[in-house]
Amino acid sequence: LWGGFSVNNATLNRFYSLHFIMPFIILITILMHLMTLHITGSNNPLGVNSNLYKIPFHIYFTIKDIQGFLLILMWVLILCSFTPYILGDPE
């Protein structure tokens, strides 16, 4: 890219093409990964039985995600309540 003082039509076309094609490339990569994982299966290179260290997914991670969501929601509500114009126009 040579650069310039303004964004031209060529630059916009390139970035539009990139932003249009990238989700399809990511989708194809994810599908290939899932198909490979389904066909070959995941393996344990050490051969150690790791069933002892497993925790239930639903309860632990659901509560953990809800706590994180509530923490962020509380932070946003405090930010909006005490400083409502912090992200506004500086003038």
PDB file of N, CA and C in Angstrom:
ATOM      1  N   LEU A   1       0.836  -1.172   0.000  1.00  0.00           N
ATOM      2  CA  LEU A   1       0.000   0.000   0.000  1.00  0.00           C
ATOM      3  C   LEU A   1       0.884   1.240   0.000  1.00  0.00           C
ATOM      4  N   TRP A   2       0.570   2.175  -0.876  1.00  0.00           N
ATOM      5  CA  TRP A   2       1.348   3.401  -0.974  1.00  0.00           C
ATOM      6  C   TRP A   2       0.928   4.427   0.063  1.00  0.00           C
ATOM      7  N   GLY A   3      -0.305   4.416   0.442  1.00  0.00           N
ATOM      8  CA  GLY A   3      -0.793   5.414   1.390  1.00  0.00           C
ATOM      9  C   GLY A   3      -1.188   6.681   0.659  1.00  0.00           C
ATOM     10  N   GLY A   4      -1.833   7.552   1.341  1.00  0.00           N
ATOM     11  CA  GLY A   4      -2.246   8.802   0.739  1.00  0.00           C
ATOM     12  C   GLY A   4      -2.963   9.660   1.756  1.00  0.00           C
ATOM     13  N   PHE A   5      -3.434  10.788   1.267  1.00  0.00           N
ATOM     14  CA  PHE A   5      -4.093  11.734   2.157  1.00  0.00           C
ATOM     15  C   PHE A   5      -5.573  11.427   2.351  1.00  0.00           C
ATOM     16  N   SER A   6      -6.154  10.656   1.481  1.00  0.00           N
ATOM     17  CA  SER A   6      -7.571  10.337   1.606  1.00  0.00           C
ATOM     18  C   SER A   6      -7.799   8.862   1.271  1.00  0.00           C
ATOM     19  N   VAL A   7      -8.955   8.373   1.657  1.00  0.00           N
ATOM     20  CA  VAL A   7      -9.335   6.996   1.357  1.00  0.00           C
ATOM     21  C   VAL A   7     -10.013   6.991  -0.003  1.00  0.00           C
ATOM     22  N   ASN A   8      -9.415   6.278  -0.938  1.00  0.00           N
ATOM     23  CA  ASN A   8      -9.936   6.256  -2.307  1.00  0.00           C
ATOM     24  C   ASN A   8     -10.849   5.062  -2.526  1.00  0.00           C
ATOM     25  N   ASN A   9     -11.376   4.991  -3.723  1.00  0.00           N
ATOM     26  CA  ASN A   9     -12.277   3.908  -4.095  1.00  0.00           C
ATOM     27  C   ASN A   9     -11.558   2.562  -4.084  1.00  0.00           C
ATOM     28  N   ALA A  10     -10.294   2.541  -4.493  1.00  0.00           N
ATOM     29  CA  ALA A  10      -9.551   1.277  -4.522  1.00  0.00           C
ATOM     30  C   ALA A  10      -9.384   0.711  -3.113  1.00  0.00           C
ATOM     31  N   THR A  11      -9.071   1.575  -2.158  1.00  0.00           N
ATOM     32  CA  THR A  11      -8.910   1.121  -0.779  1.00  0.00           C
ATOM     33  C   THR A  11     -10.226   0.604  -0.220  1.00  0.00           C
ATOM     34  N   LEU A  12     -11.297   1.321  -0.488  1.00  0.00           N
ATOM     35  CA  LEU A  12     -12.604   0.878  -0.004  1.00  0.00           C
ATOM     36  C   LEU A  12     -12.998  -0.460  -0.611  1.00  0.00           C
ATOM     37  N   ASN A  13     -12.723  -0.647  -1.893  1.00  0.00           N
ATOM     38  CA  ASN A  13     -13.044  -1.925  -2.538  1.00  0.00           C
ATOM     39  C   ASN A  13     -12.240  -3.066  -1.938  1.00  0.00           C
ATOM     40  N   ARG A  14     -10.966  -2.813  -1.652  1.00  0.00           N
ATOM     41  CA  ARG A  14     -10.132  -3.874  -1.066  1.00  0.00           C
ATOM     42  C   ARG A  14     -10.624  -4.256   0.325  1.00  0.00           C
ATOM     43  N   PHE A  15     -10.899  -3.268   1.145  1.00  0.00           N
ATOM     44  CA  PHE A  15     -11.353  -3.578   2.495  1.00  0.00           C
ATOM     45  C   PHE A  15     -12.748  -4.192   2.496  1.00  0.00           C
ATOM     46  N   TYR A  16     -13.604  -3.760   1.590  1.00  0.00           N
ATOM     47  CA  TYR A  16     -14.929  -4.373   1.488  1.00  0.00           C
ATOM     48  C   TYR A  16     -14.795  -5.832   1.070  1.00  0.00           C
ATOM     49  N   SER A  17     -13.941  -6.099   0.094  1.00  0.00           N
ATOM     50  CA  SER A  17     -13.731  -7.482  -0.349  1.00  0.00           C
ATOM     51  C   SER A  17     -13.182  -8.334   0.786  1.00  0.00           C
ATOM     52  N   LEU A  18     -12.227  -7.781   1.526  1.00  0.00           N
ATOM     53  CA  LEU A  18     -11.642  -8.514   2.643  1.00  0.00           C
ATOM     54  C   LEU A  18     -12.693  -8.810   3.712  1.00  0.00           C
ATOM     55  N   HIS A  19     -13.502  -7.823   4.056  1.00  0.00           N
ATOM     56  CA  HIS A  19     -14.513  -8.019   5.088  1.00  0.00           C
ATOM     57  C   HIS A  19     -15.659  -8.911   4.609  1.00  0.00           C
ATOM     58  N   PHE A  20     -15.845  -9.027   3.321  1.00  0.00           N
ATOM     59  CA  PHE A  20     -16.878  -9.918   2.805  1.00  0.00           C
ATOM     60  C   PHE A  20     -16.383 -11.358   2.745  1.00  0.00           C
ATOM     61  N   ILE A  21     -15.136 -11.564   2.371  1.00  0.00           N
ATOM     62  CA  ILE A  21     -14.608 -12.912   2.161  1.00  0.00           C
ATOM     63  C   ILE A  21     -14.140 -13.567   3.461  1.00  0.00           C
ATOM     64  N   MET A  22     -13.620 -12.795   4.413  1.00  0.00           N
ATOM     65  CA  MET A  22     -13.057 -13.374   5.630  1.00  0.00           C
ATOM     66  C   MET A  22     -14.034 -14.240   6.438  1.00  0.00           C
ATOM     67  N   PRO A  23     -15.300 -13.868   6.616  1.00  0.00           N
ATOM     68  CA  PRO A  23     -16.192 -14.778   7.366  1.00  0.00           C
ATOM     69  C   PRO A  23     -16.362 -16.139   6.704  1.00  0.00           C
ATOM     70  N   PHE A  24     -16.364 -16.170   5.379  1.00  0.00           N
ATOM     71  CA  PHE A  24     -16.485 -17.455   4.689  1.00  0.00           C
ATOM     72  C   PHE A  24     -15.221 -18.294   4.868  1.00  0.00           C
ATOM     73  N   ILE A  25     -14.068 -17.658   4.843  1.00  0.00           N
ATOM     74  CA  ILE A  25     -12.815 -18.378   5.068  1.00  0.00           C
ATOM     75  C   ILE A  25     -12.778 -18.928   6.490  1.00  0.00           C
ATOM     76  N   ILE A  26     -13.208 -18.128   7.450  1.00  0.00           N
ATOM     77  CA  ILE A  26     -13.243 -18.586   8.840  1.00  0.00           C
ATOM     78  C   ILE A  26     -14.240 -19.732   8.997  1.00  0.00           C
ATOM     79  N   LEU A  27     -15.396 -19.627   8.361  1.00  0.00           N
ATOM     80  CA  LEU A  27     -16.402 -20.691   8.432  1.00  0.00           C
ATOM     81  C   LEU A  27     -15.867 -21.990   7.839  1.00  0.00           C
ATOM     82  N   ILE A  28     -15.207 -21.917   6.697  1.00  0.00           N
ATOM     83  CA  ILE A  28     -14.638 -23.112   6.071  1.00  0.00           C
ATOM     84  C   ILE A  28     -13.570 -23.722   6.967  1.00  0.00           C
ATOM     85  N   THR A  29     -12.742 -22.889   7.581  1.00  0.00           N
ATOM     86  CA  THR A  29     -11.704 -23.389   8.479  1.00  0.00           C
ATOM     87  C   THR A  29     -12.316 -24.088   9.691  1.00  0.00           C
ATOM     88  N   ILE A  30     -13.353 -23.507  10.259  1.00  0.00           N
ATOM     89  CA  ILE A  30     -14.018 -24.127  11.414  1.00  0.00           C
ATOM     90  C   ILE A  30     -14.662 -25.451  11.021  1.00  0.00           C
ATOM     91  N   LEU A  31     -15.326 -25.489   9.864  1.00  0.00           N
ATOM     92  CA  LEU A  31     -15.952 -26.737   9.416  1.00  0.00           C
ATOM     93  C   LEU A  31     -14.915 -27.821   9.152  1.00  0.00           C
ATOM     94  N   MET A  32     -13.790 -27.456   8.548  1.00  0.00           N
ATOM     95  CA  MET A  32     -12.724 -28.438   8.323  1.00  0.00           C
ATOM     96  C   MET A  32     -12.185 -28.956   9.655  1.00  0.00           C
ATOM     97  N   HIS A  33     -12.014 -28.062  10.616  1.00  0.00           N
ATOM     98  CA  HIS A  33     -11.526 -28.476  11.931  1.00  0.00           C
ATOM     99  C   HIS A  33     -12.511 -29.432  12.601  1.00  0.00           C
ATOM    100  N   LEU A  34     -13.800 -29.115  12.554  1.00  0.00           N
ATOM    101  CA  LEU A  34     -14.798 -29.983  13.180  1.00  0.00           C
ATOM    102  C   LEU A  34     -14.903 -31.332  12.478  1.00  0.00           C
ATOM    103  N   MET A  35     -14.798 -31.339  11.154  1.00  0.00           N
ATOM    104  CA  MET A  35     -14.844 -32.612  10.427  1.00  0.00           C
ATOM    105  C   MET A  35     -13.626 -33.466  10.763  1.00  0.00           C
ATOM    106  N   THR A  36     -12.465 -32.852  10.830  1.00  0.00           N
ATOM    107  CA  THR A  36     -11.256 -33.594  11.181  1.00  0.00           C
ATOM    108  C   THR A  36     -11.351 -34.134  12.603  1.00  0.00           C
ATOM    109  N   LEU A  37     -11.851 -33.323  13.506  1.00  0.00           N
ATOM    110  CA  LEU A  37     -12.009 -33.771  14.887  1.00  0.00           C
ATOM    111  C   LEU A  37     -13.033 -34.897  14.981  1.00  0.00           C
ATOM    112  N   HIS A  38     -14.090 -34.831  14.180  1.00  0.00           N
ATOM    113  CA  HIS A  38     -15.118 -35.872  14.203  1.00  0.00           C
ATOM    114  C   HIS A  38     -14.593 -37.177  13.615  1.00  0.00           C
ATOM    115  N   ILE A  39     -13.808 -37.079  12.551  1.00  0.00           N
ATOM    116  CA  ILE A  39     -13.307 -38.289  11.890  1.00  0.00           C
ATOM    117  C   ILE A  39     -12.220 -38.958  12.729  1.00  0.00           C
ATOM    118  N   THR A  40     -11.214 -38.199  13.141  1.00  0.00           N
ATOM    119  CA  THR A  40     -10.088 -38.805  13.853  1.00  0.00           C
ATOM    120  C   THR A  40     -10.321 -38.875  15.350  1.00  0.00           C
ATOM    121  N   GLY A  41     -11.121 -37.971  15.878  1.00  0.00           N
ATOM    122  CA  GLY A  41     -11.356 -37.935  17.316  1.00  0.00           C
ATOM    123  C   GLY A  41     -10.209 -37.245  18.031  1.00  0.00           C
ATOM    124  N   SER A  42     -10.488 -36.792  19.220  1.00  0.00           N
ATOM    125  CA  SER A  42      -9.419 -36.176  20.000  1.00  0.00           C
ATOM    126  C   SER A  42      -8.655 -37.276  20.717  1.00  0.00           C
ATOM    127  N   ASN A  43      -7.403 -37.028  20.962  1.00  0.00           N
ATOM    128  CA  ASN A  43      -6.596 -38.057  21.603  1.00  0.00           C
ATOM    129  C   ASN A  43      -5.872 -37.466  22.803  1.00  0.00           C
ATOM    130  N   ASN A  44      -5.377 -38.342  23.622  1.00  0.00           N
ATOM    131  CA  ASN A  44      -4.620 -37.977  24.799  1.00  0.00           C
ATOM    132  C   ASN A  44      -3.205 -38.501  24.603  1.00  0.00           C
ATOM    133  N   PRO A  45      -2.247 -37.631  24.278  1.00  0.00           N
ATOM    134  CA  PRO A  45      -0.908 -38.131  23.966  1.00  0.00           C
ATOM    135  C   PRO A  45      -0.197 -38.757  25.163  1.00  0.00           C
ATOM    136  N   LEU A  46      -0.542 -38.391  26.381  1.00  0.00           N
ATOM    137  CA  LEU A  46       0.119 -38.964  27.549  1.00  0.00           C
ATOM    138  C   LEU A  46      -0.505 -40.279  27.989  1.00  0.00           C
ATOM    139  N   GLY A  47      -1.744 -40.515  27.610  1.00  0.00           N
ATOM    140  CA  GLY A  47      -2.420 -41.741  28.000  1.00  0.00           C
ATOM    141  C   GLY A  47      -2.887 -41.753  29.442  1.00  0.00           C
ATOM    142  N   VAL A  48      -2.936 -40.591  30.080  1.00  0.00           N
ATOM    143  CA  VAL A  48      -3.348 -40.508  31.477  1.00  0.00           C
ATOM    144  C   VAL A  48      -4.867 -40.396  31.536  1.00  0.00           C
ATOM    145  N   ASN A  49      -5.472 -41.099  32.475  1.00  0.00           N
ATOM    146  CA  ASN A  49      -6.913 -41.020  32.656  1.00  0.00           C
ATOM    147  C   ASN A  49      -7.243 -39.693  33.342  1.00  0.00           C
ATOM    148  N   SER A  50      -7.904 -38.812  32.628  1.00  0.00           N
ATOM    149  CA  SER A  50      -8.186 -37.483  33.173  1.00  0.00           C
ATOM    150  C   SER A  50      -9.627 -37.339  33.641  1.00  0.00           C
ATOM    151  N   ASN A  51     -10.329 -38.447  33.819  1.00  0.00           N
ATOM    152  CA  ASN A  51     -11.714 -38.365  34.282  1.00  0.00           C
ATOM    153  C   ASN A  51     -11.816 -37.851  35.714  1.00  0.00           C
ATOM    154  N   LEU A  52     -10.731 -37.947  36.471  1.00  0.00           N
ATOM    155  CA  LEU A  52     -10.762 -37.510  37.861  1.00  0.00           C
ATOM    156  C   LEU A  52     -10.848 -35.993  37.980  1.00  0.00           C
ATOM    157  N   TYR A  53     -10.345 -35.279  36.997  1.00  0.00           N
ATOM    158  CA  TYR A  53     -10.249 -33.828  37.083  1.00  0.00           C
ATOM    159  C   TYR A  53     -11.399 -33.107  36.397  1.00  0.00           C
ATOM    160  N   LYS A  54     -12.396 -33.823  35.951  1.00  0.00           N
ATOM    161  CA  LYS A  54     -13.508 -33.197  35.241  1.00  0.00           C
ATOM    162  C   LYS A  54     -14.521 -32.637  36.228  1.00  0.00           C
ATOM    163  N   ILE A  55     -15.117 -31.504  35.847  1.00  0.00           N
ATOM    164  CA  ILE A  55     -16.174 -30.900  36.649  1.00  0.00           C
ATOM    165  C   ILE A  55     -17.409 -30.804  35.771  1.00  0.00           C
ATOM    166  N   PRO A  56     -18.606 -30.747  36.372  1.00  0.00           N
ATOM    167  CA  PRO A  56     -19.816 -30.615  35.561  1.00  0.00           C
ATOM    168  C   PRO A  56     -19.828 -29.276  34.828  1.00  0.00           C
ATOM    169  N   PHE A  57     -20.101 -29.316  33.555  1.00  0.00           N
ATOM    170  CA  PHE A  57     -20.046 -28.099  32.740  1.00  0.00           C
ATOM    171  C   PHE A  57     -21.169 -27.142  33.074  1.00  0.00           C
ATOM    172  N   HIS A  58     -22.396 -27.654  33.163  1.00  0.00           N
ATOM    173  CA  HIS A  58     -23.574 -26.775  33.246  1.00  0.00           C
ATOM    174  C   HIS A  58     -23.553 -25.889  34.485  1.00  0.00           C
ATOM    175  N   ILE A  59     -23.438 -26.450  35.626  1.00  0.00           N
ATOM    176  CA  ILE A  59     -23.551 -25.646  36.843  1.00  0.00           C
ATOM    177  C   ILE A  59     -22.367 -24.690  36.977  1.00  0.00           C
ATOM    178  N   TYR A  60     -21.153 -25.211  36.853  1.00  0.00           N
ATOM    179  CA  TYR A  60     -19.963 -24.391  37.108  1.00  0.00           C
ATOM    180  C   TYR A  60     -19.848 -23.234  36.126  1.00  0.00           C
ATOM    181  N   PHE A  61     -19.874 -23.531  34.835  1.00  0.00           N
ATOM    182  CA  PHE A  61     -19.651 -22.475  33.851  1.00  0.00           C
ATOM    183  C   PHE A  61     -20.863 -21.573  33.673  1.00  0.00           C
ATOM    184  N   THR A  62     -22.061 -22.075  33.917  1.00  0.00           N
ATOM    185  CA  THR A  62     -23.242 -21.215  33.847  1.00  0.00           C
ATOM    186  C   THR A  62     -23.193 -20.163  34.947  1.00  0.00           C
ATOM    187  N   ILE A  63     -22.888 -20.580  36.161  1.00  0.00           N
ATOM    188  CA  ILE A  63     -22.788 -19.626  37.267  1.00  0.00           C
ATOM    189  C   ILE A  63     -21.626 -18.668  37.046  1.00  0.00           C
ATOM    190  N   LYS A  64     -20.518 -19.166  36.558  1.00  0.00           N
ATOM    191  CA  LYS A  64     -19.351 -18.319  36.300  1.00  0.00           C
ATOM    192  C   LYS A  64     -19.667 -17.273  35.231  1.00  0.00           C
ATOM    193  N   ASP A  65     -20.354 -17.645  34.159  1.00  0.00           N
ATOM    194  CA  ASP A  65     -20.720 -16.695  33.110  1.00  0.00           C
ATOM    195  C   ASP A  65     -21.739 -15.677  33.603  1.00  0.00           C
ATOM    196  N   ILE A  66     -22.698 -16.112  34.412  1.00  0.00           N
ATOM    197  CA  ILE A  66     -23.691 -15.177  34.953  1.00  0.00           C
ATOM    198  C   ILE A  66     -23.019 -14.174  35.881  1.00  0.00           C
ATOM    199  N   GLN A  67     -22.069 -14.623  36.699  1.00  0.00           N
ATOM    200  CA  GLN A  67     -21.350 -13.702  37.577  1.00  0.00           C
ATOM    201  C   GLN A  67     -20.559 -12.677  36.773  1.00  0.00           C
ATOM    202  N   GLY A  68     -19.888 -13.109  35.725  1.00  0.00           N
ATOM    203  CA  GLY A  68     -19.145 -12.177  34.885  1.00  0.00           C
ATOM    204  C   GLY A  68     -20.053 -11.184  34.194  1.00  0.00           C
ATOM    205  N   PHE A  69     -21.193 -11.653  33.701  1.00  0.00           N
ATOM    206  CA  PHE A  69     -22.151 -10.761  33.053  1.00  0.00           C
ATOM    207  C   PHE A  69     -22.688  -9.728  34.036  1.00  0.00           C
ATOM    208  N   LEU A  70     -23.035 -10.163  35.250  1.00  0.00           N
ATOM    209  CA  LEU A  70     -23.550  -9.230  36.250  1.00  0.00           C
ATOM    210  C   LEU A  70     -22.491  -8.224  36.685  1.00  0.00           C
ATOM    211  N   LEU A  71     -21.244  -8.654  36.775  1.00  0.00           N
ATOM    212  CA  LEU A  71     -20.158  -7.736  37.131  1.00  0.00           C
ATOM    213  C   LEU A  71     -19.978  -6.655  36.070  1.00  0.00           C
ATOM    214  N   ILE A  72     -19.978  -7.039  34.813  1.00  0.00           N
ATOM    215  CA  ILE A  72     -19.845  -6.062  33.726  1.00  0.00           C
ATOM    216  C   ILE A  72     -21.072  -5.169  33.663  1.00  0.00           C
ATOM    217  N   LEU A  73     -22.260  -5.727  33.844  1.00  0.00           N
ATOM    218  CA  LEU A  73     -23.482  -4.929  33.840  1.00  0.00           C
ATOM    219  C   LEU A  73     -23.475  -3.913  34.980  1.00  0.00           C
ATOM    220  N   MET A  74     -23.022  -4.327  36.160  1.00  0.00           N
ATOM    221  CA  MET A  74     -22.940  -3.413  37.291  1.00  0.00           C
ATOM    222  C   MET A  74     -21.952  -2.284  37.005  1.00  0.00           C
ATOM    223  N   TRP A  75     -20.800  -2.612  36.411  1.00  0.00           N
ATOM    224  CA  TRP A  75     -19.795  -1.604  36.078  1.00  0.00           C
ATOM    225  C   TRP A  75     -20.341  -0.604  35.063  1.00  0.00           C
ATOM    226  N   VAL A  76     -21.049  -1.083  34.055  1.00  0.00           N
ATOM    227  CA  VAL A  76     -21.626  -0.186  33.044  1.00  0.00           C
ATOM    228  C   VAL A  76     -22.710   0.695  33.653  1.00  0.00           C
ATOM    229  N   LEU A  77     -23.549   0.138  34.515  1.00  0.00           N
ATOM    230  CA  LEU A  77     -24.594   0.935  35.155  1.00  0.00           C
ATOM    231  C   LEU A  77     -24.003   2.010  36.064  1.00  0.00           C
ATOM    232  N   ILE A  78     -22.956   1.677  36.804  1.00  0.00           N
ATOM    233  CA  ILE A  78     -22.294   2.683  37.646  1.00  0.00           C
ATOM    234  C   ILE A  78     -21.660   3.758  36.779  1.00  0.00           C
ATOM    235  N   LEU A  79     -21.007   3.353  35.710  1.00  0.00           N
ATOM    236  CA  LEU A  79     -20.382   4.319  34.807  1.00  0.00           C
ATOM    237  C   LEU A  79     -21.421   5.242  34.190  1.00  0.00           C
ATOM    238  N   CYS A  80     -22.544   4.696  33.765  1.00  0.00           N
ATOM    239  CA  CYS A  80     -23.593   5.520  33.151  1.00  0.00           C
ATOM    240  C   CYS A  80     -24.312   6.389  34.175  1.00  0.00           C
ATOM    241  N   SER A  81     -24.393   5.939  35.414  1.00  0.00           N
ATOM    242  CA  SER A  81     -25.108   6.707  36.430  1.00  0.00           C
ATOM    243  C   SER A  81     -24.296   7.894  36.943  1.00  0.00           C
ATOM    244  N   PHE A  82     -23.011   7.681  37.200  1.00  0.00           N
ATOM    245  CA  PHE A  82     -22.210   8.731  37.823  1.00  0.00           C
ATOM    246  C   PHE A  82     -21.498   9.633  36.821  1.00  0.00           C
ATOM    247  N   THR A  83     -21.174   9.117  35.661  1.00  0.00           N
ATOM    248  CA  THR A  83     -20.515   9.939  34.635  1.00  0.00           C
ATOM    249  C   THR A  83     -21.209   9.714  33.300  1.00  0.00           C
ATOM    250  N   PRO A  84     -22.401  10.271  33.106  1.00  0.00           N
ATOM    251  CA  PRO A  84     -23.150   9.972  31.882  1.00  0.00           C
ATOM    252  C   PRO A  84     -22.538  10.576  30.624  1.00  0.00           C
ATOM    253  N   TYR A  85     -21.737  11.624  30.751  1.00  0.00           N
ATOM    254  CA  TYR A  85     -21.194  12.293  29.569  1.00  0.00           C
ATOM    255  C   TYR A  85     -19.719  11.987  29.352  1.00  0.00           C
ATOM    256  N   ILE A  86     -19.218  10.911  29.927  1.00  0.00           N
ATOM    257  CA  ILE A  86     -17.792  10.620  29.825  1.00  0.00           C
ATOM    258  C   ILE A  86     -17.377  10.280  28.392  1.00  0.00           C
ATOM    259  N   LEU A  87     -18.250   9.677  27.622  1.00  0.00           N
ATOM    260  CA  LEU A  87     -17.916   9.318  26.247  1.00  0.00           C
ATOM    261  C   LEU A  87     -18.545  10.268  25.238  1.00  0.00           C
ATOM    262  N   GLY A  88     -19.050  11.381  25.712  1.00  0.00           N
ATOM    263  CA  GLY A  88     -19.714  12.328  24.824  1.00  0.00           C
ATOM    264  C   GLY A  88     -18.737  13.251  24.116  1.00  0.00           C
ATOM    265  N   ASP A  89     -19.282  14.240  23.459  1.00  0.00           N
ATOM    266  CA  ASP A  89     -18.502  15.230  22.735  1.00  0.00           C
ATOM    267  C   ASP A  89     -17.718  16.087  23.728  1.00  0.00           C
ATOM    268  N   PRO A  90     -16.414  16.279  23.525  1.00  0.00           N
ATOM    269  CA  PRO A  90     -15.622  17.022  24.505  1.00  0.00           C
ATOM    270  C   PRO A  90     -15.912  18.519  24.538  1.00  0.00           C
ATOM    271  N   GLU A  91     -16.622  19.049  23.583  1.00  0.00           N
ATOM    272  CA  GLU A  91     -16.861  20.494  23.573  1.00  0.00           C
ATOM    273  C   GLU A  91     -18.138  20.861  24.231  1.00  0.00           C
TER     274      GLU A  91
END
